[in-house]
N, C-alpha and C. Protein backbone atom coordinates (compact mmCIF):
# COMPACT_ATOMS: atom_id res chain seq x y z
N MET A 1 247.84 86.40 185.34
CA MET A 1 247.40 87.50 186.09
C MET A 1 248.57 88.31 186.58
N GLU A 2 249.62 87.87 186.21
CA GLU A 2 250.77 88.61 186.63
C GLU A 2 250.97 89.86 185.83
N GLY A 3 250.50 89.95 184.75
CA GLY A 3 250.72 91.08 183.90
C GLY A 3 249.80 92.26 184.18
N ARG A 4 248.89 92.05 184.93
CA ARG A 4 247.96 93.17 185.18
C ARG A 4 248.35 93.91 186.43
N PRO A 5 248.19 95.19 186.36
CA PRO A 5 248.47 95.94 187.58
C PRO A 5 247.33 95.73 188.58
N PRO A 6 247.65 95.82 189.86
CA PRO A 6 246.60 95.63 190.86
C PRO A 6 245.55 96.74 190.78
N VAL A 7 244.30 96.37 190.97
CA VAL A 7 243.18 97.32 190.90
C VAL A 7 242.96 97.90 192.30
N ALA A 8 242.84 99.19 192.33
CA ALA A 8 242.61 99.86 193.62
C ALA A 8 241.15 99.66 194.05
N ALA A 9 240.97 99.57 195.34
CA ALA A 9 239.62 99.39 195.88
C ALA A 9 238.79 100.64 195.59
N PRO A 10 237.49 100.47 195.27
CA PRO A 10 236.67 101.65 194.96
C PRO A 10 236.51 102.54 196.20
N VAL A 11 236.58 103.80 195.96
CA VAL A 11 236.46 104.79 197.04
C VAL A 11 235.06 105.41 196.96
N ALA A 12 234.40 105.47 198.10
CA ALA A 12 233.05 106.08 198.14
C ALA A 12 233.18 107.58 197.94
N PRO A 13 232.25 108.15 197.17
CA PRO A 13 232.34 109.60 196.96
C PRO A 13 232.14 110.35 198.27
N ARG A 14 232.83 111.44 198.41
CA ARG A 14 232.74 112.24 199.63
C ARG A 14 231.43 113.03 199.64
N GLN A 15 230.79 113.01 200.78
CA GLN A 15 229.57 113.79 200.97
C GLN A 15 229.97 115.22 201.31
N PRO A 16 229.26 116.19 200.71
CA PRO A 16 229.61 117.57 201.05
C PRO A 16 229.26 117.83 202.52
N ARG A 17 230.12 118.52 203.17
CA ARG A 17 229.89 118.82 204.59
C ARG A 17 228.90 119.96 204.73
N GLY A 18 227.98 119.79 205.69
CA GLY A 18 227.03 120.87 205.99
C GLY A 18 227.71 121.93 206.83
N ARG A 19 226.98 122.97 207.12
CA ARG A 19 227.55 124.03 207.95
C ARG A 19 227.70 123.53 209.37
N LYS A 20 228.68 124.02 210.01
CA LYS A 20 228.91 123.64 211.39
C LYS A 20 227.88 124.34 212.29
N VAL A 21 227.38 123.60 213.27
CA VAL A 21 226.48 124.18 214.26
C VAL A 21 227.33 124.93 215.26
N PRO A 22 227.03 126.21 215.47
CA PRO A 22 227.87 126.96 216.41
C PRO A 22 227.73 126.40 217.82
N GLN A 23 228.82 126.32 218.49
CA GLN A 23 228.84 125.82 219.85
C GLN A 23 228.34 126.91 220.80
N ARG A 24 227.61 126.49 221.87
CA ARG A 24 227.15 127.46 222.86
C ARG A 24 228.34 127.96 223.64
N ARG A 25 228.29 129.18 223.92
CA ARG A 25 229.39 129.76 224.66
C ARG A 25 229.02 129.82 226.14
N SER A 26 229.89 130.34 226.92
CA SER A 26 229.68 130.41 228.36
C SER A 26 228.54 131.34 228.74
N LEU A 27 228.13 132.25 227.85
CA LEU A 27 227.00 133.13 228.14
C LEU A 27 225.70 132.33 228.22
N GLY A 28 225.62 131.24 227.51
CA GLY A 28 224.44 130.38 227.59
C GLY A 28 224.26 129.81 228.98
N VAL A 29 225.33 129.47 229.62
CA VAL A 29 225.28 128.96 230.99
C VAL A 29 224.79 130.05 231.92
N LEU A 30 225.28 131.27 231.73
CA LEU A 30 224.82 132.39 232.56
C LEU A 30 223.34 132.68 232.31
N GLY A 31 222.89 132.57 231.08
CA GLY A 31 221.48 132.78 230.77
C GLY A 31 220.60 131.74 231.44
N ASN A 32 221.04 130.48 231.41
CA ASN A 32 220.29 129.43 232.10
C ASN A 32 220.25 129.68 233.60
N LEU A 33 221.37 130.08 234.17
CA LEU A 33 221.42 130.36 235.60
C LEU A 33 220.46 131.50 235.95
N PHE A 34 220.47 132.56 235.14
CA PHE A 34 219.56 133.69 235.37
C PHE A 34 218.10 133.23 235.28
N SER A 35 217.76 132.40 234.31
CA SER A 35 216.39 131.90 234.16
C SER A 35 215.95 131.11 235.38
N TYR A 36 216.84 130.25 235.88
CA TYR A 36 216.50 129.45 237.05
C TYR A 36 216.34 130.33 238.29
N LEU A 37 217.19 131.32 238.44
CA LEU A 37 217.06 132.23 239.58
C LEU A 37 215.77 133.04 239.51
N LEU A 38 215.40 133.47 238.31
CA LEU A 38 214.15 134.21 238.14
C LEU A 38 212.96 133.32 238.46
N LEU A 39 212.98 132.08 238.01
CA LEU A 39 211.90 131.14 238.32
C LEU A 39 211.82 130.89 239.82
N ALA A 40 212.96 130.73 240.48
CA ALA A 40 212.97 130.52 241.93
C ALA A 40 212.41 131.74 242.66
N ALA A 41 212.72 132.95 242.18
CA ALA A 41 212.21 134.16 242.81
C ALA A 41 210.69 134.26 242.66
N VAL A 42 210.16 133.92 241.50
CA VAL A 42 208.71 133.97 241.28
C VAL A 42 208.01 132.96 242.19
N ILE A 43 208.56 131.75 242.29
CA ILE A 43 207.97 130.74 243.17
C ILE A 43 208.03 131.20 244.62
N ALA A 44 209.14 131.80 245.04
CA ALA A 44 209.26 132.30 246.42
C ALA A 44 208.24 133.39 246.70
N VAL A 45 208.01 134.29 245.75
CA VAL A 45 207.02 135.36 245.94
C VAL A 45 205.62 134.76 246.06
N ILE A 46 205.31 133.76 245.27
CA ILE A 46 203.98 133.11 245.35
C ILE A 46 203.79 132.47 246.72
N PHE A 47 204.79 131.73 247.19
CA PHE A 47 204.66 131.10 248.50
C PHE A 47 204.60 132.13 249.63
N LEU A 48 205.39 133.19 249.53
CA LEU A 48 205.37 134.23 250.56
C LEU A 48 204.02 134.94 250.60
N SER A 49 203.47 135.25 249.43
CA SER A 49 202.17 135.91 249.42
C SER A 49 201.08 134.99 249.94
N GLY A 50 201.17 133.70 249.65
CA GLY A 50 200.21 132.74 250.21
C GLY A 50 200.30 132.68 251.72
N TYR A 51 201.52 132.71 252.25
CA TYR A 51 201.70 132.71 253.70
C TYR A 51 201.11 133.98 254.32
N ILE A 52 201.40 135.13 253.73
CA ILE A 52 200.89 136.39 254.27
C ILE A 52 199.37 136.41 254.22
N TYR A 53 198.79 135.93 253.13
CA TYR A 53 197.33 135.94 252.99
C TYR A 53 196.67 135.02 254.01
N SER A 54 197.30 133.87 254.29
CA SER A 54 196.66 132.92 255.21
C SER A 54 197.01 133.20 256.68
N ALA A 55 198.26 133.57 256.97
CA ALA A 55 198.67 133.75 258.36
C ALA A 55 198.48 135.17 258.87
N ARG A 56 198.59 136.15 258.00
CA ARG A 56 198.46 137.55 258.39
C ARG A 56 197.51 138.28 257.45
N PRO A 57 196.21 137.95 257.48
CA PRO A 57 195.29 138.57 256.52
C PRO A 57 195.17 140.08 256.68
N SER A 58 195.44 140.59 257.88
CA SER A 58 195.35 142.05 258.06
C SER A 58 196.43 142.77 257.26
N TRP A 59 197.55 142.11 256.99
CA TRP A 59 198.60 142.71 256.17
C TRP A 59 198.19 142.73 254.70
N ALA A 60 197.47 141.70 254.29
CA ALA A 60 197.10 141.57 252.87
C ALA A 60 195.87 142.39 252.52
N ALA A 61 195.04 142.73 253.50
CA ALA A 61 193.78 143.43 253.21
C ALA A 61 193.97 144.74 252.46
N PRO A 62 194.88 145.65 252.86
CA PRO A 62 195.01 146.91 252.11
C PRO A 62 195.50 146.70 250.67
N ILE A 63 196.27 145.64 250.46
CA ILE A 63 196.79 145.39 249.11
C ILE A 63 195.71 144.79 248.22
N LEU A 64 194.89 143.90 248.79
CA LEU A 64 193.88 143.20 248.00
C LEU A 64 192.57 143.96 247.87
N ALA A 65 192.34 144.97 248.70
CA ALA A 65 191.07 145.70 248.67
C ALA A 65 190.77 146.30 247.30
N PRO A 66 191.70 146.97 246.64
CA PRO A 66 191.37 147.51 245.31
C PRO A 66 191.05 146.42 244.29
N LEU A 67 191.66 145.25 244.44
CA LEU A 67 191.40 144.17 243.48
C LEU A 67 190.03 143.54 243.72
N THR A 68 189.65 143.36 244.98
CA THR A 68 188.36 142.72 245.25
C THR A 68 187.20 143.63 244.92
N ASN A 69 187.40 144.95 244.96
CA ASN A 69 186.32 145.86 244.60
C ASN A 69 186.08 145.89 243.11
N LEU A 70 187.08 145.54 242.31
CA LEU A 70 186.93 145.57 240.86
C LEU A 70 186.26 144.31 240.31
N MET A 71 186.34 143.22 241.06
CA MET A 71 185.80 141.96 240.56
C MET A 71 184.27 141.97 240.67
N ALA A 72 183.62 141.45 239.64
CA ALA A 72 182.17 141.37 239.63
C ALA A 72 181.72 140.28 240.60
N THR A 73 180.49 140.44 241.08
CA THR A 73 179.96 139.42 241.96
C THR A 73 179.72 138.15 241.16
N SER A 74 179.84 137.03 241.83
CA SER A 74 179.73 135.76 241.12
C SER A 74 178.28 135.44 240.75
N THR A 75 177.33 135.87 241.57
CA THR A 75 175.94 135.59 241.26
C THR A 75 175.15 136.89 241.25
N PRO A 76 174.42 137.16 240.20
CA PRO A 76 173.62 138.38 240.17
C PRO A 76 172.43 138.26 241.14
N THR A 77 171.95 139.41 241.57
CA THR A 77 170.80 139.43 242.46
C THR A 77 169.55 139.07 241.67
N VAL A 78 168.81 138.12 242.19
CA VAL A 78 167.58 137.70 241.53
C VAL A 78 166.42 138.39 242.23
N LEU A 79 165.62 139.11 241.46
CA LEU A 79 164.46 139.80 242.01
C LEU A 79 163.20 139.00 241.66
N THR A 80 162.34 138.86 242.63
CA THR A 80 161.07 138.18 242.37
C THR A 80 159.95 139.20 242.45
N SER A 81 159.00 139.05 241.56
CA SER A 81 157.85 139.97 241.52
C SER A 81 156.74 139.40 242.38
N GLN A 82 156.11 140.29 243.14
CA GLN A 82 154.96 139.86 243.94
C GLN A 82 154.02 141.04 244.14
N GLU A 83 152.78 140.69 244.42
CA GLU A 83 151.78 141.73 244.67
C GLU A 83 151.89 142.17 246.12
N PHE A 84 151.73 143.47 246.33
CA PHE A 84 151.84 144.03 247.68
C PHE A 84 150.67 144.98 247.89
N GLU A 85 150.05 144.86 249.06
CA GLU A 85 148.91 145.71 249.39
C GLU A 85 149.13 146.29 250.79
N THR A 86 148.87 147.60 250.93
CA THR A 86 149.08 148.25 252.22
C THR A 86 148.21 149.50 252.32
N SER A 87 148.01 149.97 253.54
CA SER A 87 147.32 151.24 253.78
C SER A 87 148.37 152.32 253.99
N VAL A 88 148.17 153.46 253.33
CA VAL A 88 149.10 154.57 253.46
C VAL A 88 148.35 155.84 253.84
N THR A 89 149.07 156.72 254.53
CA THR A 89 148.52 158.02 254.90
C THR A 89 149.52 159.08 254.44
N ILE A 90 149.01 160.12 253.77
CA ILE A 90 149.88 161.18 253.26
C ILE A 90 149.34 162.54 253.66
N GLN A 91 150.20 163.54 253.61
CA GLN A 91 149.79 164.93 253.80
C GLN A 91 150.28 165.72 252.60
N VAL A 92 149.38 166.46 252.00
CA VAL A 92 149.71 167.30 250.85
C VAL A 92 149.14 168.69 251.10
N PRO A 93 149.65 169.70 250.38
CA PRO A 93 149.08 171.04 250.54
C PRO A 93 147.59 171.04 250.15
N SER A 94 146.83 171.95 250.74
CA SER A 94 145.37 171.95 250.53
C SER A 94 144.98 172.18 249.07
N GLY A 95 145.78 172.83 248.27
CA GLY A 95 145.43 173.06 246.87
C GLY A 95 146.08 172.06 245.92
N ALA A 96 146.48 170.88 246.41
CA ALA A 96 147.20 169.91 245.58
C ALA A 96 146.30 169.33 244.50
N SER A 97 146.88 169.09 243.33
CA SER A 97 146.12 168.49 242.23
C SER A 97 146.05 166.97 242.41
N ASP A 98 145.22 166.33 241.58
CA ASP A 98 145.09 164.87 241.64
C ASP A 98 146.43 164.19 241.33
N ALA A 99 147.20 164.77 240.39
CA ALA A 99 148.50 164.19 240.03
C ALA A 99 149.46 164.25 241.22
N GLN A 100 149.44 165.35 241.97
CA GLN A 100 150.31 165.47 243.14
C GLN A 100 149.90 164.48 244.23
N ILE A 101 148.60 164.30 244.41
CA ILE A 101 148.11 163.35 245.41
C ILE A 101 148.51 161.93 245.00
N ARG A 102 148.32 161.59 243.71
CA ARG A 102 148.68 160.26 243.22
C ARG A 102 150.18 160.01 243.39
N SER A 103 151.01 161.02 243.08
CA SER A 103 152.46 160.89 243.23
C SER A 103 152.86 160.67 244.69
N ALA A 104 152.22 161.40 245.61
CA ALA A 104 152.50 161.25 247.03
C ALA A 104 152.07 159.87 247.53
N LEU A 105 150.93 159.36 247.03
CA LEU A 105 150.47 158.03 247.41
C LEU A 105 151.45 156.95 246.92
N GLN A 106 151.96 157.11 245.70
CA GLN A 106 152.91 156.13 245.16
C GLN A 106 154.23 156.15 245.93
N ALA A 107 154.67 157.34 246.32
CA ALA A 107 155.90 157.45 247.12
C ALA A 107 155.71 156.80 248.49
N ALA A 108 154.55 156.99 249.10
CA ALA A 108 154.26 156.37 250.40
C ALA A 108 154.18 154.85 250.25
N PHE A 109 153.63 154.37 249.13
CA PHE A 109 153.55 152.94 248.86
C PHE A 109 154.97 152.34 248.76
N ALA A 110 155.85 153.03 248.03
CA ALA A 110 157.23 152.55 247.89
C ALA A 110 157.94 152.52 249.25
N ALA A 111 157.72 153.55 250.07
CA ALA A 111 158.35 153.59 251.39
C ALA A 111 157.83 152.46 252.27
N ALA A 112 156.53 152.16 252.20
CA ALA A 112 155.96 151.07 253.00
C ALA A 112 156.51 149.72 252.54
N ALA A 113 156.67 149.53 251.23
CA ALA A 113 157.22 148.27 250.71
C ALA A 113 158.67 148.09 251.15
N GLN A 114 159.46 149.17 251.10
CA GLN A 114 160.85 149.07 251.52
C GLN A 114 160.96 148.86 253.02
N ALA A 115 160.04 149.43 253.79
CA ALA A 115 160.06 149.22 255.23
C ALA A 115 159.76 147.76 255.57
N GLN A 116 158.90 147.12 254.80
CA GLN A 116 158.52 145.74 255.09
C GLN A 116 159.50 144.72 254.52
N TYR A 117 160.01 144.94 253.30
CA TYR A 117 160.84 143.94 252.62
C TYR A 117 162.32 144.29 252.52
N GLY A 118 162.72 145.48 252.91
CA GLY A 118 164.13 145.84 252.87
C GLY A 118 164.42 146.91 251.83
N ALA A 119 165.63 147.46 251.93
CA ALA A 119 166.02 148.58 251.07
C ALA A 119 166.16 148.19 249.60
N GLY A 120 166.36 146.91 249.29
CA GLY A 120 166.52 146.48 247.91
C GLY A 120 165.21 146.31 247.17
N THR A 121 164.10 146.63 247.80
CA THR A 121 162.79 146.46 247.18
C THR A 121 162.53 147.56 246.16
N LEU A 122 162.04 147.18 244.99
CA LEU A 122 161.72 148.13 243.93
C LEU A 122 160.24 148.02 243.57
N VAL A 123 159.65 149.16 243.21
CA VAL A 123 158.26 149.18 242.77
C VAL A 123 158.24 149.01 241.26
N ASN A 124 157.38 148.15 240.77
CA ASN A 124 157.24 147.94 239.32
C ASN A 124 156.51 149.15 238.74
N GLN A 125 157.24 149.97 237.99
CA GLN A 125 156.65 151.18 237.43
C GLN A 125 155.91 150.91 236.12
N ASN A 126 156.04 149.69 235.57
CA ASN A 126 155.26 149.35 234.38
C ASN A 126 153.78 149.21 234.73
N VAL A 127 153.51 148.79 235.96
CA VAL A 127 152.14 148.72 236.48
C VAL A 127 152.17 149.50 237.79
N PRO A 128 152.04 150.83 237.73
CA PRO A 128 152.19 151.62 238.95
C PRO A 128 151.14 151.27 240.00
N PRO A 129 151.52 151.39 241.27
CA PRO A 129 150.54 151.10 242.32
C PRO A 129 149.38 152.08 242.26
N SER A 130 148.22 151.58 242.60
CA SER A 130 147.02 152.43 242.54
C SER A 130 146.17 152.17 243.77
N PRO A 131 145.37 153.18 244.14
CA PRO A 131 144.51 152.98 245.31
C PRO A 131 143.36 152.03 244.99
N ILE A 132 142.97 151.26 245.99
CA ILE A 132 141.78 150.42 245.86
C ILE A 132 140.62 151.33 246.23
N GLY A 133 139.75 151.60 245.30
CA GLY A 133 138.72 152.61 245.50
C GLY A 133 139.32 153.97 245.23
N SER A 134 139.20 154.87 246.20
CA SER A 134 139.79 156.20 246.03
C SER A 134 140.39 156.64 247.35
N ALA A 135 141.25 157.66 247.28
CA ALA A 135 141.86 158.20 248.49
C ALA A 135 140.80 158.97 249.26
N VAL A 136 140.77 158.76 250.56
CA VAL A 136 139.77 159.40 251.41
C VAL A 136 140.44 160.51 252.21
N GLN A 137 139.80 161.70 252.18
CA GLN A 137 140.33 162.82 252.95
C GLN A 137 139.96 162.60 254.40
N VAL A 138 140.97 162.66 255.27
CA VAL A 138 140.75 162.46 256.69
C VAL A 138 140.84 163.83 257.36
N GLY A 139 139.73 164.34 257.89
CA GLY A 139 139.70 165.64 258.55
C GLY A 139 139.79 166.78 257.56
N GLY A 140 139.72 167.99 258.08
CA GLY A 140 139.77 169.19 257.25
C GLY A 140 141.20 169.69 257.12
N PRO A 141 141.35 170.78 256.36
CA PRO A 141 142.69 171.35 256.21
C PRO A 141 143.23 171.82 257.56
N ASP A 142 144.48 171.46 257.83
CA ASP A 142 145.12 171.83 259.08
C ASP A 142 146.46 172.47 258.74
N ALA A 143 146.59 173.75 259.00
CA ALA A 143 147.81 174.52 258.71
C ALA A 143 148.18 174.42 257.24
N GLY A 144 147.17 174.47 256.38
CA GLY A 144 147.40 174.44 254.94
C GLY A 144 147.70 173.05 254.39
N MET A 145 147.60 172.00 255.21
CA MET A 145 147.87 170.63 254.77
C MET A 145 146.61 169.79 254.91
N VAL A 146 146.42 168.89 253.95
CA VAL A 146 145.27 167.98 253.97
C VAL A 146 145.82 166.56 254.08
N THR A 147 145.20 165.74 254.93
CA THR A 147 145.62 164.35 255.11
C THR A 147 144.70 163.43 254.34
N TYR A 148 145.30 162.51 253.56
CA TYR A 148 144.56 161.51 252.79
C TYR A 148 145.00 160.13 253.26
N GLU A 149 144.07 159.21 253.19
CA GLU A 149 144.35 157.82 253.52
C GLU A 149 143.81 156.96 252.39
N ALA A 150 144.56 155.93 252.01
CA ALA A 150 144.12 155.05 250.93
C ALA A 150 144.71 153.66 251.12
N ARG A 151 143.99 152.70 250.60
CA ARG A 151 144.50 151.31 250.55
C ARG A 151 145.10 151.15 249.15
N MET A 152 146.41 150.83 249.09
CA MET A 152 147.12 150.76 247.81
C MET A 152 147.48 149.31 247.48
N ARG A 153 147.47 149.03 246.17
CA ARG A 153 147.87 147.71 245.69
C ARG A 153 148.77 147.91 244.47
N GLY A 154 149.84 147.13 244.43
CA GLY A 154 150.76 147.21 243.29
C GLY A 154 151.73 146.04 243.32
N PHE A 155 152.60 146.00 242.34
CA PHE A 155 153.58 144.93 242.24
C PHE A 155 154.96 145.47 242.59
N ILE A 156 155.70 144.67 243.34
CA ILE A 156 157.04 145.05 243.76
C ILE A 156 158.02 143.94 243.40
N TYR A 157 159.30 144.31 243.32
CA TYR A 157 160.38 143.35 243.12
C TYR A 157 161.15 143.26 244.42
N THR A 158 161.29 142.05 244.95
CA THR A 158 162.04 141.86 246.19
C THR A 158 163.25 140.97 245.92
N PRO A 159 164.37 141.24 246.60
CA PRO A 159 165.56 140.39 246.41
C PRO A 159 165.39 139.03 247.07
């Protein structure tokens, strides 16, 4: 074995080097600092507005008023239908037609329903209120006006 030259140890093939990842510069630190300061400012504004809203609501009212007026109500108004009967008295000109008398009776019916159940009361116009029997003329013409009285029945919607 003396005659042979020594064999060199096998060398592993070199792996090609990938591209170097660029190192962050000092501007990255400033960007992080700016982000943290911005986050701290947003959190401070949230806490400050919460304090103003809870401790000084009179300060927050003018700012929040436009926002609260734009928001829809959480629950819609539910109207219930019911039958309503009442006596009404109207005055119409002495030459009034039946349609004018009927219109005046229906308007008086609506006014009586709103007086009893509140301003949110609506008359069901799909089944208009009608007199029970007929309208009775009370007395003669007085200063060109005739007075009628009738018992009316119809359906109304109440809140």
